[in-house]
């Protein structure tokens, strides 16, 4: 009896399936070594990219901060352009003025701040002794017992011990390296921001060409709104922080409280933190004033609380008129996330990012959803 021919009626053996007939998602099962190789190669590439990003994180942060600085200075340059100056001369005037102000502030502030910090460390025992003789200390001791005195003793011993102060920054050498690294980082950011500011129109045009031609007008309009919002917000925060620092310095001088310039610098840096910065400095300034003069501390706390209301309801709406409004809850969340990731500058940058996301949602996502009146198949 002869065997049935392949494909004949008596043949029960299924024909061999060619690899081309196997669906693509199952074809890799027939080549396990190749599959394992590509999976391993992909994992190694992901690890290498992760390591590269971690090593380049400082440079990435510099680039991001420089871009935000360029966006913050761009409104001033545009204002000068509207007055008839070219963009080049506008940039020269803006950066020259910025450098002169920065150098002048550093020459004025740094020696005084260093002197006042040293004086603060020397005056800690006297301040604590004066505080122990006040009625406030007597009331605290009545309420909490001898634990208040123990806490003050520990604070005094910590502040007057140079080794503890050096340990805060990881030692004298580490403090010096941190200062040098910070100064070099500021210089790099300033140079990069100058290049970004000079080429900002070209960067925008290059970005527009990456999207289809029929959507370019809409993308260009949205990009201009985002950049104007970010620039207005950053400039507004700097103006509000400067007003805050000026008020603190004048108030400390009028009340005769110690370290007015030092507290002004601290106020400028802390109040850059959106929404919570003024509240945080209100606590810090009141506590520092409390050690010197309880009555002056009370006056400062009340006056600064009044200033906070003036800033919230009068100054902020006028200064932030070009920035998009953000709900308070999102401001707090953005500041916390940015501060956790990148510190003070992260808290400053997080709010413009949040504003940009909200602007995209309001101008793109929500109108698109509103237009869907019929359910899709």
Protein backbone atom coordinates (compact mmCIF):
# COMPACT_ATOMS: atom_id res chain seq x y z
CA UNK A 1 0.00 0.00 0.00
CA UNK A 2 1.57 3.23 -0.99
CA UNK A 3 1.78 6.28 1.23
CA UNK A 4 -0.63 9.07 0.52
CA UNK A 5 0.86 12.00 -1.27
CA UNK A 6 1.10 15.30 0.61
CA UNK A 7 -2.02 17.31 0.08
CA UNK A 8 -4.03 14.27 -1.14
CA UNK A 9 -7.34 13.24 0.33
CA UNK A 10 -5.80 10.45 2.43
CA UNK A 11 -3.06 12.60 4.00
CA UNK A 12 -3.88 13.48 7.64
CA UNK A 13 -0.59 15.27 8.45
CA UNK A 14 -1.05 19.05 8.76
CA UNK A 15 1.08 20.99 6.34
CA UNK A 16 4.10 22.87 7.71
CA UNK A 17 3.25 26.44 8.54
CA UNK A 18 5.71 28.90 7.01
CA UNK A 19 7.18 31.47 9.39
CA UNK A 20 5.68 34.28 7.33
CA UNK A 21 2.19 32.94 8.15
CA UNK A 22 2.78 33.15 11.93
CA UNK A 23 1.41 36.36 13.46
CA UNK A 24 4.13 38.86 14.31
CA UNK A 25 3.48 38.86 18.07
CA UNK A 26 3.95 35.06 18.22
CA UNK A 27 6.83 34.77 15.77
CA UNK A 28 9.44 35.67 18.43
CA UNK A 29 8.50 32.54 20.44
CA UNK A 30 10.08 30.41 17.70
CA UNK A 31 13.38 32.34 18.23
CA UNK A 32 13.83 32.43 22.04
CA UNK A 33 17.54 33.26 21.88
CA UNK A 34 16.95 36.29 19.70
CA UNK A 35 14.08 37.37 21.95
CA UNK A 36 16.25 37.06 25.06
CA UNK A 37 19.08 38.94 23.38
CA UNK A 38 16.88 41.87 22.40
CA UNK A 39 15.24 42.02 25.84
CA UNK A 40 18.64 42.02 27.54
CA UNK A 41 19.97 44.61 25.10
CA UNK A 42 16.95 46.85 25.73
CA UNK A 43 17.44 46.57 29.50
CA UNK A 44 21.12 47.46 29.19
CA UNK A 45 20.30 50.48 27.01
CA UNK A 46 17.72 51.63 29.56
CA UNK A 47 20.27 51.29 32.39
CA UNK A 48 22.91 53.19 30.41
CA UNK A 49 20.45 55.98 29.62
CA UNK A 50 19.43 56.16 33.28
CA UNK A 51 23.06 56.42 34.39
CA UNK A 52 23.73 59.06 31.74
CA UNK A 53 20.76 61.14 32.90
CA UNK A 54 21.84 60.81 36.54
CA UNK A 55 25.38 61.95 35.70
CA UNK A 56 24.04 64.78 33.54
CA UNK A 57 21.38 65.85 36.04
CA UNK A 58 23.33 68.94 37.08
CA UNK A 59 23.73 70.07 33.46
CA UNK A 60 20.05 69.38 32.77
CA UNK A 61 19.11 71.50 35.80
CA UNK A 62 21.37 74.31 34.56
CA UNK A 63 19.75 74.19 31.13
CA UNK A 64 16.21 74.24 32.57
CA UNK A 65 16.95 77.12 34.93
CA UNK A 66 18.70 79.06 32.17
CA UNK A 67 15.68 78.65 29.90
CA UNK A 68 13.36 79.87 32.65
CA UNK A 69 15.66 82.83 33.29
CA UNK A 70 15.58 83.69 29.58
CA UNK A 71 11.79 83.48 29.58
CA UNK A 72 11.71 85.72 32.65
CA UNK A 73 13.91 88.39 31.02
CA UNK A 74 12.21 88.18 27.63
CA UNK A 75 9.29 90.49 28.60
CA UNK A 76 11.76 93.27 29.47
CA UNK A 77 13.60 92.82 26.17
CA UNK A 78 10.30 92.90 24.29
CA UNK A 79 9.30 96.08 26.09
CA UNK A 80 12.56 97.70 24.95
CA UNK A 81 11.93 96.44 21.41
CA UNK A 82 8.53 98.12 21.42
CA UNK A 83 10.31 101.38 22.26
CA UNK A 84 12.36 101.16 19.07
CA UNK A 85 15.51 99.33 20.22
CA UNK A 86 16.82 96.25 18.47
CA UNK A 87 16.73 92.94 20.31
CA UNK A 88 20.54 92.93 20.57
CA UNK A 89 20.67 96.33 22.28
CA UNK A 90 17.74 95.37 24.47
CA UNK A 91 19.62 92.29 25.65
CA UNK A 92 22.78 94.33 26.26
CA UNK A 93 20.88 96.86 28.37
CA UNK A 94 19.01 94.17 30.34
CA UNK A 95 22.08 92.08 31.11
CA UNK A 96 24.30 95.06 31.81
CA UNK A 97 21.73 96.42 34.24
CA UNK A 98 21.29 93.00 35.80
CA UNK A 99 25.04 92.52 36.26
CA UNK A 100 25.48 95.99 37.75
CA UNK A 101 22.63 95.44 40.19
CA UNK A 102 23.92 91.98 41.09
CA UNK A 103 27.49 93.18 41.67
CA UNK A 104 26.28 96.18 43.66
CA UNK A 105 24.02 94.04 45.82
CA UNK A 106 26.76 91.48 46.41
CA UNK A 107 29.31 94.16 47.35
CA UNK A 108 26.78 95.76 49.67
CA UNK A 109 25.19 92.68 51.13
CA UNK A 110 27.87 90.00 51.45
CA UNK A 111 30.26 91.86 53.82
CA UNK A 112 27.37 93.07 55.95
CA UNK A 113 25.67 89.67 56.02
CA UNK A 114 28.93 87.93 56.98
CA UNK A 115 29.50 90.49 59.71
CA UNK A 116 25.95 90.15 60.98
CA UNK A 117 26.11 86.36 60.96
CA UNK A 118 29.30 86.49 63.03
CA UNK A 119 27.70 89.04 65.33
CA UNK A 120 24.62 86.84 65.63
CA UNK A 121 26.73 83.88 66.76
CA UNK A 122 28.53 86.11 69.29
CA UNK A 123 25.28 87.63 70.56
CA UNK A 124 23.42 84.35 70.99
CA UNK A 125 24.21 84.10 74.75
CA UNK A 126 23.15 87.72 75.29
CA UNK A 127 19.95 87.28 73.30
CA UNK A 128 19.02 84.14 75.20
CA UNK A 129 19.85 85.80 78.53
CA UNK A 130 17.63 88.76 77.63
CA UNK A 131 14.88 86.42 76.58
CA UNK A 132 15.10 84.53 79.87
CA UNK A 133 14.42 87.75 81.76
CA UNK A 134 11.31 88.57 79.74
CA UNK A 135 7.70 87.95 80.69
CA UNK A 136 7.28 85.69 77.67
CA UNK A 137 9.89 83.28 79.01
CA UNK A 138 8.22 83.30 82.45
CA UNK A 139 4.88 82.44 80.86
CA UNK A 140 6.43 79.63 78.79
CA UNK A 141 8.21 78.26 81.85
CA UNK A 142 4.93 78.34 83.79
CA UNK A 143 3.17 76.44 81.04
CA UNK A 144 5.85 73.91 80.09
CA UNK A 145 8.13 73.77 83.13
CA UNK A 146 11.91 73.46 83.14
CA UNK A 147 11.97 71.88 79.69
CA UNK A 148 11.98 75.39 78.17
CA UNK A 149 15.28 76.19 79.89
CA UNK A 150 16.79 72.89 78.78
CA UNK A 151 15.80 73.57 75.19
CA UNK A 152 17.37 77.04 75.29
CA UNK A 153 20.57 75.62 76.76
CA UNK A 154 20.83 73.05 73.97
CA UNK A 155 20.15 75.71 71.34
CA UNK A 156 22.80 78.00 72.80
CA UNK A 157 25.43 75.28 73.05
CA UNK A 158 24.73 74.24 69.46
CA UNK A 159 24.87 77.73 67.96
CA UNK A 160 28.03 78.88 69.74
CA UNK A 161 29.96 75.72 68.88
CA UNK A 162 31.83 76.30 65.59
CA UNK A 163 32.16 72.60 64.90
CA UNK A 164 28.38 72.22 64.90
CA UNK A 165 27.95 75.12 62.49
CA UNK A 166 30.60 73.63 60.21
CA UNK A 167 28.91 70.24 60.46
CA UNK A 168 25.70 71.71 59.06
CA UNK A 169 27.37 72.07 55.68
CA UNK A 170 29.46 68.92 55.97
CA UNK A 171 32.63 70.62 57.20
CA UNK A 172 34.56 73.75 56.30
CA UNK A 173 35.98 72.26 53.11
CA UNK A 174 32.56 71.10 51.99
CA UNK A 175 31.08 74.53 52.69
CA UNK A 176 33.82 76.13 50.59
CA UNK A 177 33.28 73.68 47.76
CA UNK A 178 29.52 74.28 47.93
CA UNK A 179 30.02 78.04 47.66
CA UNK A 180 32.41 77.66 44.69
CA UNK A 181 30.05 75.23 42.99
CA UNK A 182 27.11 77.57 43.57
CA UNK A 183 28.95 80.57 42.10
CA UNK A 184 30.08 78.58 39.06
CA UNK A 185 26.55 77.28 38.59
CA UNK A 186 25.15 80.82 38.65
CA UNK A 187 27.71 81.93 36.05
CA UNK A 188 26.86 78.96 33.80
CA UNK A 189 23.14 79.69 34.11
CA UNK A 190 23.67 83.37 33.26
CA UNK A 191 25.75 82.55 30.17
CA UNK A 192 23.28 79.92 28.98
CA UNK A 193 20.35 82.25 29.59
CA UNK A 194 22.08 84.89 27.46
CA UNK A 195 22.36 82.45 24.56
CA UNK A 196 18.77 81.25 25.03
CA UNK A 197 17.46 84.81 25.18
CA UNK A 198 19.34 85.73 21.99
CA UNK A 199 18.02 82.72 20.08
CA UNK A 200 14.56 82.49 21.65
CA UNK A 201 12.68 83.55 18.48
CA UNK A 202 14.70 81.06 16.40
CA UNK A 203 14.06 78.31 18.97
CA UNK A 204 10.33 78.97 18.76
CA UNK A 205 10.33 78.90 14.95
CA UNK A 206 12.27 75.62 14.94
CA UNK A 207 9.78 74.15 17.37
CA UNK A 208 6.85 75.24 15.20
CA UNK A 209 8.32 73.46 12.17
CA UNK A 210 8.23 70.15 14.06
CA UNK A 211 4.42 70.12 13.95
CA UNK A 212 2.20 69.82 10.85
CA UNK A 213 1.69 73.04 8.91
CA UNK A 214 -2.08 73.14 9.46
CA UNK A 215 -1.62 73.19 13.28
CA UNK A 216 1.29 75.64 13.41
CA UNK A 217 -0.81 78.80 13.96
CA UNK A 218 -2.57 77.21 16.94
CA UNK A 219 0.67 75.80 18.37
CA UNK A 220 2.39 79.16 17.91
CA UNK A 221 -0.44 80.99 19.69
CA UNK A 222 -0.39 78.50 22.59
CA UNK A 223 3.40 78.67 22.85
CA UNK A 224 3.35 82.46 22.99
CA UNK A 225 0.75 82.38 25.74
CA UNK A 226 2.79 79.87 27.75
CA UNK A 227 6.06 81.80 27.40
CA UNK A 228 4.37 85.09 28.29
CA UNK A 229 2.76 83.45 31.32
CA UNK A 230 6.06 81.99 32.51
CA UNK A 231 7.97 85.22 31.94
CA UNK A 232 5.31 87.30 33.68
CA UNK A 233 5.18 84.94 36.61
CA UNK A 234 8.95 84.80 37.17
CA UNK A 235 9.36 88.56 36.94
CA UNK A 236 6.37 89.01 39.22
CA UNK A 237 7.80 86.68 41.87
CA UNK A 238 11.13 88.53 41.86
CA UNK A 239 9.37 91.91 42.17
CA UNK A 240 7.17 90.68 45.04
CA UNK A 241 10.16 89.13 46.84
CA UNK A 242 12.11 92.40 46.46
CA UNK A 243 9.18 94.40 47.88
CA UNK A 244 8.95 91.93 50.75
CA UNK A 245 12.66 92.16 51.53
CA UNK A 246 12.56 95.98 51.40
CA UNK A 247 9.61 96.09 53.81
CA UNK A 248 11.34 93.72 56.22
CA UNK A 249 14.57 95.73 56.21
CA UNK A 250 12.77 99.04 56.79
CA UNK A 251 10.58 97.54 59.53
CA UNK A 252 13.56 96.02 61.36
CA UNK A 253 15.40 99.35 61.19
CA UNK A 254 12.41 101.32 62.50
CA UNK A 255 11.81 98.89 65.37
CA UNK A 256 15.52 98.73 66.22
CA UNK A 257 15.62 94.96 65.78
CA UNK A 258 18.97 93.27 65.11
CA UNK A 259 20.32 92.04 61.74
CA UNK A 260 18.01 93.99 59.38
CA UNK A 261 20.07 93.34 56.24
CA UNK A 262 20.53 89.66 57.03
CA UNK A 263 16.80 89.21 57.54
CA UNK A 264 16.10 91.14 54.32
CA UNK A 265 18.23 88.69 52.33
CA UNK A 266 16.54 85.75 54.05
CA UNK A 267 13.13 87.30 53.31
CA UNK A 268 13.97 87.71 49.61
CA UNK A 269 15.06 84.08 49.25
CA UNK A 270 12.24 82.53 51.26
CA UNK A 271 9.42 84.61 49.80
CA UNK A 272 10.35 83.37 46.34
CA UNK A 273 8.59 80.19 47.44
CA UNK A 274 5.01 80.63 46.22
CA UNK A 275 2.17 81.06 48.71
CA UNK A 276 3.91 79.53 51.73
CA UNK A 277 7.09 81.63 51.61
CA UNK A 278 5.59 84.72 53.28
CA UNK A 279 3.99 82.63 56.02
CA UNK A 280 7.27 80.81 56.63
CA UNK A 281 9.24 84.04 56.91
CA UNK A 282 6.57 85.55 59.19
CA UNK A 283 7.37 82.78 61.66
CA UNK A 284 11.16 83.09 61.21
CA UNK A 285 11.20 86.90 61.49
CA UNK A 286 8.92 86.89 64.56
CA UNK A 287 11.06 84.29 66.34
CA UNK A 288 14.31 86.19 65.65
CA UNK A 289 12.73 89.45 66.82
CA UNK A 290 11.33 87.71 69.91
CA UNK A 291 14.81 87.01 71.25
CA UNK A 292 15.78 90.67 70.96
CA UNK A 293 12.61 92.52 71.97
CA UNK A 294 9.26 90.81 72.73
CA UNK A 295 7.30 94.04 72.18
CA UNK A 296 9.15 94.70 68.91
CA UNK A 297 8.45 91.11 67.89
CA UNK A 298 4.74 91.63 68.52
CA UNK A 299 4.72 94.83 66.46
CA UNK A 300 6.67 93.12 63.68
CA UNK A 301 4.31 90.13 63.64
CA UNK A 302 1.24 92.39 63.37
CA UNK A 303 2.79 94.72 60.77
CA UNK A 304 4.05 91.85 58.62
CA UNK A 305 0.66 90.15 58.86
CA UNK A 306 -0.93 93.36 57.54
CA UNK A 307 1.67 93.48 54.75
CA UNK A 308 0.80 89.90 53.80
CA UNK A 309 -2.81 90.96 53.27
CA UNK A 310 -1.74 93.98 51.22
CA UNK A 311 0.53 91.78 49.12
CA UNK A 312 -2.17 89.16 48.58
CA UNK A 313 -5.01 91.50 47.63
CA UNK A 314 -3.27 94.56 46.12
CA UNK A 315 0.32 93.87 45.01
CA UNK A 316 -0.03 90.34 43.68
CA UNK A 317 -3.03 91.04 41.37
CA UNK A 318 -1.26 94.10 39.92
CA UNK A 319 2.13 92.43 39.47
CA UNK A 320 0.78 89.08 38.27
CA UNK A 321 -1.65 90.51 35.73
CA UNK A 322 0.20 88.76 32.86
CA UNK A 323 0.46 85.37 34.57
CA UNK A 324 -2.24 82.73 34.51
CA UNK A 325 -4.15 82.30 37.77
CA UNK A 326 -3.61 79.00 39.57
CA UNK A 327 -5.81 77.50 42.31
CA UNK A 328 -4.22 77.71 45.74
CA UNK A 329 -4.21 73.93 46.25
CA UNK A 330 -2.22 73.43 43.02
CA UNK A 331 0.22 76.16 44.07
CA UNK A 332 0.94 74.35 47.34
CA UNK A 333 1.25 70.95 45.64
CA UNK A 334 3.51 72.34 42.92
CA UNK A 335 5.72 74.14 45.44
CA UNK A 336 6.04 70.99 47.57
CA UNK A 337 6.89 68.77 44.61
CA UNK A 338 9.36 71.24 43.10
CA UNK A 339 10.96 71.96 46.47
CA UNK A 340 11.36 68.26 47.20
CA UNK A 341 12.99 67.56 43.84
CA UNK A 342 15.14 70.66 43.29
CA UNK A 343 14.98 72.77 46.46
CA UNK A 344 14.20 76.49 46.39
CA UNK A 345 14.66 76.85 42.63
CA UNK A 346 12.49 73.80 42.07
CA UNK A 347 9.67 75.41 44.03
CA UNK A 348 10.06 78.54 41.92
CA UNK A 349 10.02 76.65 38.60
CA UNK A 350 7.19 74.28 39.54
CA UNK A 351 4.50 76.96 39.47
CA UNK A 352 5.12 78.13 35.85
CA UNK A 353 5.08 74.48 34.80
CA UNK A 354 1.75 74.02 36.56
CA UNK A 355 0.44 77.19 34.90
CA UNK A 356 1.52 75.89 31.48
CA UNK A 357 -0.25 72.57 32.02
CA UNK A 358 -3.43 74.38 33.09
CA UNK A 359 -3.23 76.62 30.03
CA UNK A 360 -2.93 73.59 27.73
CA UNK A 361 -5.90 71.96 29.44
CA UNK A 362 -8.01 75.11 29.11
CA UNK A 363 -7.16 75.90 25.50
CA UNK A 364 -6.74 72.43 23.98
CA UNK A 365 -8.18 69.56 26.00
CA UNK A 366 -11.37 71.15 27.37
CA UNK A 367 -12.50 72.70 24.02
CA UNK A 368 -11.88 69.37 22.31
CA UNK A 369 -13.97 67.56 24.91
CA UNK A 370 -16.72 70.20 24.68
CA UNK A 371 -16.90 69.67 20.93
CA UNK A 372 -17.69 65.96 21.35
CA UNK A 373 -21.49 66.11 21.51
CA UNK A 374 -22.06 62.70 19.86
CA UNK A 375 -20.58 59.50 21.38
CA UNK A 376 -17.85 57.95 19.27
CA UNK A 377 -18.23 54.46 17.85
